[in-house]
Protein backbone atom coordinates (compact mmCIF):
# COMPACT_ATOMS: atom_id res chain seq x y z
CA MET A 1 0.00 0.00 0.00
CA LYS A 2 0.99 3.58 -0.60
CA THR A 3 1.48 6.62 1.59
CA GLY A 4 -1.22 9.19 0.95
CA ILE A 5 -0.64 12.93 0.62
CA SER A 6 -3.75 15.11 0.82
CA PHE A 7 -3.61 18.60 -0.62
CA HIS A 8 -6.06 21.15 -1.98
CA SER A 9 -5.29 24.29 -3.96
CA SER A 10 -7.44 26.36 -1.58
CA PHE A 11 -4.63 26.06 0.99
CA LEU A 12 -2.61 28.44 -1.17
CA ASP A 13 -5.50 30.94 -1.22
CA HIS A 14 -5.33 31.52 2.54
CA LYS A 15 -3.41 34.80 2.34
CA THR A 16 -1.67 36.20 5.40
CA GLY A 17 0.02 39.28 3.96
CA THR A 18 3.56 40.45 3.44
CA GLY A 19 5.96 39.50 6.19
CA HIS A 20 3.73 37.00 7.99
CA PRO A 21 5.65 33.77 8.71
CA GLU A 22 2.69 31.47 8.02
CA THR A 23 2.57 32.17 4.30
CA HIS A 24 1.42 30.24 1.23
CA VAL A 25 5.09 30.13 0.19
CA ARG A 26 5.60 27.45 2.85
CA LEU A 27 3.39 25.05 0.94
CA GLU A 28 4.71 26.09 -2.44
CA SER A 29 8.25 25.29 -1.33
CA ILE A 30 7.12 21.88 -0.07
CA LEU A 31 5.28 21.07 -3.27
CA GLU A 32 8.33 21.93 -5.33
CA LYS A 33 10.64 19.85 -3.14
CA ILE A 34 8.46 16.72 -3.17
CA SER A 35 7.48 16.90 -6.84
CA ASP A 36 9.82 14.03 -7.65
CA LEU A 37 8.50 11.57 -5.06
CA PRO A 38 7.92 8.21 -6.84
CA PHE A 39 4.31 7.52 -7.78
CA GLN A 40 4.89 3.86 -6.95
CA SER A 41 5.08 4.77 -3.26
CA PHE A 42 2.79 7.79 -2.94
CA GLU A 43 -0.79 8.62 -3.80
CA TRP A 44 -1.97 12.20 -4.00
CA ILE A 45 -5.46 12.82 -2.59
CA LYS A 46 -6.75 16.05 -4.09
CA THR A 47 -10.46 15.32 -4.44
CA PHE A 48 -12.39 15.73 -1.21
CA LYS A 49 -15.03 18.02 0.19
CA GLU A 50 -14.97 20.92 2.57
CA ALA A 51 -15.79 19.71 6.06
CA PRO A 52 -19.38 20.60 7.00
CA LEU A 53 -20.37 22.39 10.19
CA SER A 54 -21.45 19.09 11.74
CA LEU A 55 -17.87 17.81 11.50
CA ILE A 56 -16.06 21.00 12.51
CA SER A 57 -18.41 21.46 15.48
CA MET A 58 -17.28 18.14 16.94
CA ILE A 59 -14.53 20.36 18.38
CA HIS A 60 -15.54 23.97 17.77
CA ASP A 61 -18.44 26.04 19.04
CA PRO A 62 -20.81 26.47 16.05
CA ASN A 63 -21.04 30.18 16.83
CA TYR A 64 -17.28 30.47 16.39
CA VAL A 65 -17.40 28.54 13.11
CA HIS A 66 -20.14 30.84 11.80
CA LEU A 67 -18.12 33.87 12.94
CA VAL A 68 -15.07 32.79 10.94
CA GLY A 69 -17.21 32.28 7.86
CA LYS A 70 -18.92 35.62 8.34
CA VAL A 71 -15.81 37.75 8.82
CA CYS A 72 -14.09 36.14 5.82
CA GLU A 73 -17.11 36.89 3.66
CA GLU A 74 -18.01 40.35 4.95
CA LYS A 75 -14.73 41.89 6.12
CA GLY A 76 -12.42 40.15 3.67
CA SER A 77 -9.26 40.41 5.70
CA GLY A 78 -8.07 41.13 9.20
CA TYR A 79 -7.00 39.39 12.39
CA LEU A 80 -8.89 36.81 14.44
CA ASP A 81 -6.34 37.19 17.22
CA GLY A 82 -3.02 38.99 17.59
CA ASP A 83 -1.22 36.90 14.98
CA THR A 84 -3.93 34.86 13.22
CA VAL A 85 -4.82 36.44 9.90
CA PHE A 86 -7.91 35.82 7.80
CA SER A 87 -8.51 36.63 4.14
CA PRO A 88 -11.55 36.15 1.87
CA ASN A 89 -10.69 32.48 1.21
CA SER A 90 -9.51 31.50 4.69
CA PHE A 91 -12.76 29.90 5.81
CA GLN A 92 -12.82 27.72 2.71
CA ALA A 93 -9.17 26.78 3.15
CA ALA A 94 -9.69 25.90 6.81
CA SER A 95 -12.76 23.81 5.96
CA PHE A 96 -10.83 21.93 3.27
CA ALA A 97 -7.96 21.42 5.75
CA VAL A 98 -10.33 19.57 8.05
CA GLY A 99 -11.66 17.59 5.09
CA ALA A 100 -8.12 16.66 4.05
CA GLY A 101 -7.42 15.02 7.39
CA VAL A 102 -10.71 13.19 7.73
CA THR A 103 -10.54 11.88 4.15
CA LEU A 104 -7.05 10.49 4.65
CA ALA A 105 -8.03 8.95 7.98
CA GLN A 106 -10.96 7.17 6.34
CA ASP A 107 -8.78 5.88 3.50
CA ILE A 108 -6.31 4.50 6.04
CA LEU A 109 -9.14 2.92 8.02
CA ASN A 110 -10.50 1.34 4.84
CA GLY A 111 -7.11 -0.13 3.98
CA LYS A 112 -6.71 1.95 0.81
CA LEU A 113 -3.54 3.59 2.17
CA LYS A 114 -1.02 2.42 4.73
CA ASN A 115 -0.43 5.88 6.22
CA GLY A 116 -0.39 9.50 5.11
CA MET A 117 0.23 13.19 5.58
CA ALA A 118 -2.21 16.07 5.30
CA LEU A 119 -0.34 18.98 3.70
CA VAL A 120 -2.67 21.64 5.05
CA ARG A 121 -2.92 25.35 5.72
CA PRO A 122 -3.97 26.97 7.95
CA PRO A 123 -2.41 24.82 10.68
CA GLY A 124 -4.50 23.71 13.63
CA HIS A 125 -3.03 22.65 16.95
CA HIS A 126 -3.34 26.03 18.74
CA ALA A 127 -7.00 26.55 17.81
CA GLU A 128 -9.29 26.38 20.83
CA ALA A 129 -12.95 25.43 20.85
CA ASP A 130 -14.19 29.00 20.59
CA HIS A 131 -11.31 31.06 19.23
CA ALA A 132 -8.43 31.18 16.77
CA MET A 133 -4.88 31.27 18.05
CA GLY A 134 -1.29 31.03 16.84
CA PHE A 135 -2.00 31.07 13.07
CA CYS A 136 -4.65 28.33 13.55
CA LEU A 137 -8.36 28.57 12.68
CA PHE A 138 -9.74 25.04 13.12
CA ASN A 139 -8.00 22.24 15.00
CA ASN A 140 -7.52 19.78 12.15
CA ILE A 141 -5.95 16.97 14.15
CA ALA A 142 -8.42 17.18 17.03
CA ILE A 143 -11.40 17.04 14.68
CA THR A 144 -9.91 14.01 12.93
CA ALA A 145 -9.47 12.30 16.31
CA LYS A 146 -13.14 12.97 17.12
CA TYR A 147 -14.11 11.58 13.74
CA LEU A 148 -12.07 8.42 14.33
CA GLN A 149 -13.93 7.95 17.60
CA THR A 150 -17.22 7.93 15.68
CA GLN A 151 -15.76 5.19 13.46
CA GLY A 152 -15.15 2.88 16.39
CA ILE A 153 -11.50 3.66 17.18
CA LYS A 154 -11.24 3.35 20.95
CA ARG A 155 -7.66 4.48 21.68
CA ILE A 156 -5.88 7.25 19.79
CA LEU A 157 -2.38 8.61 20.26
CA ILE A 158 -1.84 12.24 19.26
CA LEU A 159 1.85 13.03 19.25
CA ASP A 160 2.83 16.67 18.74
CA TRP A 161 6.47 17.44 17.93
CA ASP A 162 5.90 21.04 16.82
CA VAL A 163 8.28 23.34 18.68
CA HIS A 164 5.26 25.10 20.22
CA HIS A 165 2.98 23.27 22.64
CA GLY A 166 -0.34 22.17 21.14
CA ASN A 167 -2.56 23.87 23.68
CA GLY A 168 -5.76 23.54 21.67
CA THR A 169 -5.36 19.81 21.16
CA GLN A 170 -4.44 19.21 24.78
CA HIS A 171 -7.47 21.09 26.06
CA GLN A 172 -9.86 19.08 23.87
CA PHE A 173 -8.81 15.74 25.32
CA TYR A 174 -7.64 16.69 28.80
CA GLU A 175 -10.43 14.67 30.42
CA ASP A 176 -10.64 11.96 27.75
CA ASP A 177 -8.77 8.76 28.62
CA SER A 178 -9.29 7.34 25.12
CA VAL A 179 -7.00 9.94 23.53
CA TYR A 180 -3.41 10.06 24.77
CA PHE A 181 -1.83 13.45 24.01
CA VAL A 182 1.97 13.65 23.97
CA SER A 183 3.89 16.85 23.26
CA LEU A 184 7.61 17.48 22.82
CA HIS A 185 8.19 21.23 22.75
CA GLN A 186 10.43 24.13 23.68
CA TYR A 187 9.57 25.39 27.15
CA PRO A 188 9.04 28.00 28.43
CA PHE A 189 7.87 29.35 25.10
CA TYR A 190 4.71 30.32 23.23
CA PRO A 191 1.88 29.66 24.08
CA GLY A 192 2.96 29.22 27.71
CA THR A 193 1.22 25.89 28.31
CA GLY A 194 2.79 22.45 28.35
CA SER A 195 4.52 22.06 31.69
CA SER A 196 5.26 18.55 32.90
CA GLU A 197 2.68 19.08 35.63
CA GLU A 198 -0.15 19.13 33.06
CA LYS A 199 -1.16 15.47 33.03
CA GLY A 200 -4.89 15.49 32.34
CA SER A 201 -7.80 15.59 34.74
CA GLY A 202 -10.72 13.44 35.80
CA LYS A 203 -10.75 10.13 33.98
CA GLY A 204 -8.19 11.64 31.59
CA PHE A 205 -5.57 12.02 34.28
CA GLY A 206 -2.42 10.27 33.10
CA THR A 207 -3.20 10.42 29.39
CA THR A 208 -1.52 13.78 28.80
CA LEU A 209 2.27 13.62 28.69
CA ASN A 210 4.14 16.88 28.27
CA LEU A 211 7.86 16.58 27.60
CA PRO A 212 9.09 20.17 27.78
CA MET A 213 12.65 20.85 26.68
CA ALA A 214 14.93 23.81 27.12
CA ARG A 215 15.97 26.07 24.27
CA GLY A 216 18.82 24.51 22.31
CA ALA A 217 17.72 20.88 22.67
CA GLU A 218 19.26 18.56 20.09
CA GLU A 219 18.31 15.31 18.41
CA LYS A 220 19.58 13.06 21.20
CA GLU A 221 17.38 14.80 23.75
CA TYR A 222 14.33 14.30 21.54
CA LEU A 223 15.12 10.62 21.00
CA ASP A 224 15.68 10.15 24.73
CA GLN A 225 12.18 11.52 25.35
CA PHE A 226 10.78 8.87 23.02
CA LEU A 227 11.88 6.22 25.50
CA LYS A 228 9.18 7.58 27.82
CA VAL A 229 6.64 7.62 25.01
CA HIS A 230 7.34 4.00 24.05
CA LYS A 231 6.95 2.94 27.69
CA GLU A 232 3.59 4.70 28.01
CA MET A 233 2.33 3.15 24.80
CA GLU A 234 3.05 -0.36 26.11
CA THR A 235 0.10 0.21 28.42
CA PHE A 236 -2.08 2.45 26.27
CA GLN A 237 -1.72 0.52 22.98
CA PRO A 238 -3.23 2.99 20.50
CA GLU A 239 -5.37 1.80 17.61
CA PHE A 240 -4.53 4.85 15.49
CA VAL A 241 -1.61 7.31 15.64
CA LEU A 242 -1.96 11.00 14.71
CA VAL A 243 1.02 13.36 14.52
CA SER A 244 1.08 17.15 14.69
CA ALA A 245 4.13 17.44 12.48
CA GLY A 246 5.63 20.86 12.91
CA PHE A 247 9.14 21.34 11.58
CA ASP A 248 10.00 24.49 13.50
CA ALA A 249 12.38 22.78 15.94
CA HIS A 250 14.83 22.83 13.02
CA VAL A 251 18.06 24.69 13.77
CA LYS A 252 17.38 27.06 10.83
CA ASP A 253 13.87 28.02 11.92
CA PRO A 254 13.54 31.76 12.60
CA LEU A 255 10.76 31.52 15.20
CA ALA A 256 12.30 29.10 17.70
CA GLY A 257 15.54 28.02 19.31
CA MET A 258 15.94 24.28 18.95
CA ASN A 259 18.73 22.40 17.17
CA LEU A 260 17.17 19.60 15.15
CA HIS A 261 18.44 18.96 11.64
CA THR A 262 16.64 17.74 8.54
CA SER A 263 17.80 14.18 9.17
CA SER A 264 16.38 14.37 12.70
CA TYR A 265 12.86 14.33 11.30
CA GLU A 266 13.56 11.02 9.58
CA LYS A 267 14.48 9.60 13.00
CA LEU A 268 11.44 11.10 14.74
CA THR A 269 9.24 9.62 12.02
CA GLU A 270 10.85 6.21 12.50
CA GLU A 271 10.11 6.37 16.24
CA VAL A 272 6.43 7.14 15.63
CA LYS A 273 6.23 4.41 13.00
CA LYS A 274 7.52 1.91 15.56
CA ILE A 275 4.56 2.75 17.76
CA ALA A 276 2.07 2.55 14.89
CA ASN A 277 3.51 -0.71 13.59
CA THR A 278 3.50 -2.28 17.05
CA TYR A 279 0.00 -1.34 18.17
CA SER A 280 -2.13 0.05 15.33
CA ALA A 281 -1.20 -2.09 12.31
CA GLY A 282 0.73 0.88 10.91
CA LYS A 283 -2.24 3.27 10.91
CA LEU A 284 -0.56 6.68 11.12
CA LEU A 285 -1.55 10.10 9.86
CA SER A 286 0.45 13.31 10.20
CA PHE A 287 -0.66 16.92 9.80
CA LEU A 288 1.52 19.81 8.73
CA GLU A 289 1.76 22.35 11.53
CA GLY A 290 4.66 24.83 11.86
CA GLY A 291 7.99 25.34 10.09
CA TYR A 292 9.00 28.74 8.80
CA ASP A 293 12.35 28.44 7.05
CA PHE A 294 11.26 27.42 3.56
CA GLN A 295 14.30 25.30 2.72
CA ALA A 296 14.46 23.55 6.09
CA LEU A 297 10.70 22.99 6.06
CA SER A 298 10.53 21.53 2.56
CA GLU A 299 13.54 19.26 3.07
CA SER A 300 12.23 18.04 6.43
CA VAL A 301 8.77 17.29 5.05
CA LYS A 302 10.37 15.30 2.25
CA VAL A 303 12.41 13.08 4.60
CA HIS A 304 9.32 12.66 6.78
CA LEU A 305 7.29 11.45 3.81
CA GLU A 306 10.08 9.20 2.58
CA ALA A 307 10.32 7.61 6.03
CA LEU A 308 6.55 7.07 6.10
CA ALA A 309 6.70 5.29 2.74
CA ILE A 310 9.38 2.77 3.74
């Protein structure tokens, strides 16, 4: 079976303006870099629908969803929070981003694909139930996890290796013991959440694992943290693995201070694949999150995809 890559041209129409780091050029650089991936190993998924309100509202307040649609249509452009830009096509792009993840997840569930990556914009892991945050409009990975729950998946691992803590995703599943949220991130850093003391609450206590790392952390420190993740998964045994794949812990990234290299993302991908192959019959789906140096981002995404396809 092949590795799926979901993409929609609307992702390029989410315009953030001159000088904004989360720009359509990120995706364009990725598309150029991976244009020579062998068709024998990869399948492009470009035909899918915008996610309807019923799907997006599994995570988000319907009033918030309507607000995003309304401001994009009526105001055209502006800010939903201090750094989250919207443009006339942002609502459509965000709705297709949700659709991209859910479509890939269903194809993996159906056995059409062995794993995949959703090459989406806008990103999602900072988005909270009722507001945008950190360049993110809708929480793509959290909605896909909710969708998988409706399809009978009982235990889901969400692993977030973006350099910024995935606050929105954590908050959605903080009391849910069927979704294990793991985050490896620079700390203290934006958005301020993600201390090791945040472990979940209620019946979800113990299924949130934050692995904060100091500025300057290198590959070995990341791989050492995976020893803890592997140990936790021995007990949890996920049936599906989702990854918030940000590439902004790269040493060249302008927005952070970590020291991973392009080859590091191949190793991180291999670690996640070990978990998926051991417990979930290889079912693994990653979502593009951060990464703001175009060359580092595109090269890292390529090695990530190549590792998925092996």
